[in-house]
Amino acid sequence: MLGTNRCISNNRSNHSRCCVMNKETNYWKTAEQMNGRLAMMGFFAAVINYGITGWIIPGIV
């Protein structure tokens, strides 16, 4: 199976660059979903914080 991948190899590791971005691992899709979910959690936390304290950033006017 290792010889069937026709990607340019990376000199720093024994994995190719294309292996990270292929459809089997879904690395970029997972990264984008995680980034979006964390952004939504941060926005939700900011809204809750503003509702409780009345300040966007408590302690900073």
C-alpha atoms as a PDB file:
ATOM      1  CA  MET A   1       0.000   0.000   0.000  1.00  0.00           C
ATOM      2  CA  LEU A   2       2.843   2.450   0.626  1.00  0.00           C
ATOM      3  CA  GLY A   3       4.000   2.333  -2.991  1.00  0.00           C
ATOM      4  CA  THR A   4       0.582   3.190  -4.462  1.00  0.00           C
ATOM      5  CA  ASN A   5       0.631   6.835  -3.301  1.00  0.00           C
ATOM      6  CA  ARG A   6       2.010   9.118  -6.046  1.00  0.00           C
ATOM      7  CA  CYS A   7       2.546  12.255  -3.938  1.00  0.00           C
ATOM      8  CA  ILE A   8       5.686  14.330  -3.534  1.00  0.00           C
ATOM      9  CA  SER A   9       7.380  13.205  -0.345  1.00  0.00           C
ATOM     10  CA  ASN A  10       8.162  15.542   2.514  1.00  0.00           C
ATOM     11  CA  ASN A  11      11.841  15.591   3.483  1.00  0.00           C
ATOM     12  CA  ARG A  12      11.098  16.054   7.195  1.00  0.00           C
ATOM     13  CA  SER A  13       8.997  12.935   7.664  1.00  0.00           C
ATOM     14  CA  ASN A  14       8.212   9.663   5.992  1.00  0.00           C
ATOM     15  CA  HIS A  15       4.654  10.815   5.160  1.00  0.00           C
ATOM     16  CA  SER A  16       3.699  12.658   2.015  1.00  0.00           C
ATOM     17  CA  ARG A  17       1.959  16.026   1.990  1.00  0.00           C
ATOM     18  CA  CYS A  18      -0.994  14.619   0.105  1.00  0.00           C
ATOM     19  CA  CYS A  19      -1.662  11.988   2.761  1.00  0.00           C
ATOM     20  CA  VAL A  20      -2.823  14.698   5.157  1.00  0.00           C
ATOM     21  CA  MET A  21      -5.283  16.117   2.622  1.00  0.00           C
ATOM     22  CA  ASN A  22      -6.760  12.968   1.103  1.00  0.00           C
ATOM     23  CA  LYS A  23     -10.404  11.978   1.373  1.00  0.00           C
ATOM     24  CA  GLU A  24      -9.724   9.117   3.790  1.00  0.00           C
ATOM     25  CA  THR A  25      -8.482  11.256   6.677  1.00  0.00           C
ATOM     26  CA  ASN A  26     -10.723  14.342   6.144  1.00  0.00           C
ATOM     27  CA  TYR A  27      -8.124  16.438   7.994  1.00  0.00           C
ATOM     28  CA  TRP A  28      -9.169  19.798   6.570  1.00  0.00           C
ATOM     29  CA  LYS A  29     -12.885  19.127   6.962  1.00  0.00           C
ATOM     30  CA  THR A  30     -12.364  18.140  10.590  1.00  0.00           C
ATOM     31  CA  ALA A  31     -10.156  21.192  11.190  1.00  0.00           C
ATOM     32  CA  GLU A  32     -12.747  23.562   9.719  1.00  0.00           C
ATOM     33  CA  GLN A  33     -15.577  21.984  11.712  1.00  0.00           C
ATOM     34  CA  MET A  34     -13.568  22.232  14.934  1.00  0.00           C
ATOM     35  CA  ASN A  35     -12.651  25.843  14.194  1.00  0.00           C
ATOM     36  CA  GLY A  36     -16.292  26.740  13.533  1.00  0.00           C
ATOM     37  CA  ARG A  37     -17.544  25.012  16.654  1.00  0.00           C
ATOM     38  CA  LEU A  38     -14.939  26.683  18.850  1.00  0.00           C
ATOM     39  CA  ALA A  39     -15.809  30.071  17.340  1.00  0.00           C
ATOM     40  CA  MET A  40     -19.507  29.498  18.067  1.00  0.00           C
ATOM     41  CA  MET A  41     -18.694  28.477  21.641  1.00  0.00           C
ATOM     42  CA  GLY A  42     -16.598  31.638  22.103  1.00  0.00           C
ATOM     43  CA  PHE A  43     -19.363  33.840  20.719  1.00  0.00           C
ATOM     44  CA  PHE A  44     -21.931  32.115  22.943  1.00  0.00           C
ATOM     45  CA  ALA A  45     -19.684  32.612  25.983  1.00  0.00           C
ATOM     46  CA  ALA A  46     -19.307  36.306  25.103  1.00  0.00           C
ATOM     47  CA  VAL A  47     -23.094  36.737  24.820  1.00  0.00           C
ATOM     48  CA  ILE A  48     -23.672  34.987  28.164  1.00  0.00           C
ATOM     49  CA  ASN A  49     -20.920  37.079  29.758  1.00  0.00           C
ATOM     50  CA  TYR A  50     -22.482  40.285  28.433  1.00  0.00           C
ATOM     51  CA  GLY A  51     -25.889  39.188  29.722  1.00  0.00           C
ATOM     52  CA  ILE A  52     -24.559  38.495  33.209  1.00  0.00           C
ATOM     53  CA  THR A  53     -22.150  41.401  33.695  1.00  0.00           C
ATOM     54  CA  GLY A  54     -23.335  43.981  31.166  1.00  0.00           C
ATOM     55  CA  TRP A  55     -19.775  44.403  29.916  1.00  0.00           C
ATOM     56  CA  ILE A  56     -18.279  42.889  26.813  1.00  0.00           C
ATOM     57  CA  ILE A  57     -14.923  42.378  28.563  1.00  0.00           C
ATOM     58  CA  PRO A  58     -15.278  42.527  32.365  1.00  0.00           C
ATOM     59  CA  GLY A  59     -12.772  44.842  33.998  1.00  0.00           C
ATOM     60  CA  ILE A  60     -12.039  46.797  30.822  1.00  0.00           C
ATOM     61  CA  VAL A  61     -14.166  49.856  30.156  1.00  0.00           C
END
